[in-house]
Structures are given as C-alpha cells and as structure tokens.
C-alpha cells in the first residue's frame, strides 16, 4: 500500500435499511397481550386458525359444562325442595343429579385448564419461533449411512452416520 492509495474491492451499497432484529421478547409480549399476535409478528399466519380453533373448542366445552351444571343443580333443587310446583324434568334421581353435577364441574375445570394451556403454549410458540426466525432451512441436508470397520489395534466395527447441513 502506498501513501494515499486505498486498495480493496468496491462494494456497492443500497439505500435499503437493514432488516431490524427479530426479537423473541417482542413476539412473546405480543402474544401475551393479544393471543396470536406473536405468530403474526413471526409471519406464521397458518397457525392462527389452529390457535383460535383451540380457544373456540375449549370455550365451547366450558360454556356447555356451565350450562349443564346449572341445569342439573336446578333439577336437584326442584327434587329436594318439597314444592309440588317445581319438577325434575331430567328423569334422574337426586343421587344421579349430584353425580352429574360433580362430573360436569370436573369437566368445567379441565376446560379452564385447556384454555390456560393453549394461552401459555401460544406464548412459548411465538418466542421459540422468533428465536428460530433466521434459521436457514434449505434442501441441502443429507445423511449418509456407511459401514465402519477399524482393522488396526483393537478390531471394531459398526455404522458410521454422516450428517451434513
């Protein structure tokens, strides 16, 4: 290099701004405040129907269980109150009605657990997806399986697996 002379390659630059860092924290926070927003941030739109379908199914069962608890409680009350004007239209005995109420309460609790689990899992999914956002997935992945034998020293053999990314 001589004084005042710069050597090297000429690199063309563009006026485009570099892509901002894809933040796992931001994805998790978005999903925390609005379920599915982290998946949108990660550009995984195909997960939204699955997510909201899960929420919808769990909410449906929660609603159904709450209705049945109320129905069987009311029927039980009508059976034991001694008032001839109230009737039990379910056809179940008082003991059966209490058993049904307990069963639907258990299923109601499982519905709440399912909603909570779906909520937490979608936050974890958004965070993990954001961590793997720049992970290069291409078709140049191969696995070779070859026999292996070492004749020198202690003779040994086996299978040699070579995994190339």
Foldseek 3Di string as FASTA:
>chain_A
DDPPDDDDDDDDDDPDDDDDQLALVVLLVLCLVPNPRLCVSLVVVVCVVVLVVQLVVLVVLLVVLVVLLVLLVQLLCLQPVPDPVRHNPPPDDNVVSVVSNVVSVVSNVVSVVSNVVSSVVSSVVSSVSSVCSVPDDDPPWDKDWDKAWDPPDDTDIDIDIDIDD
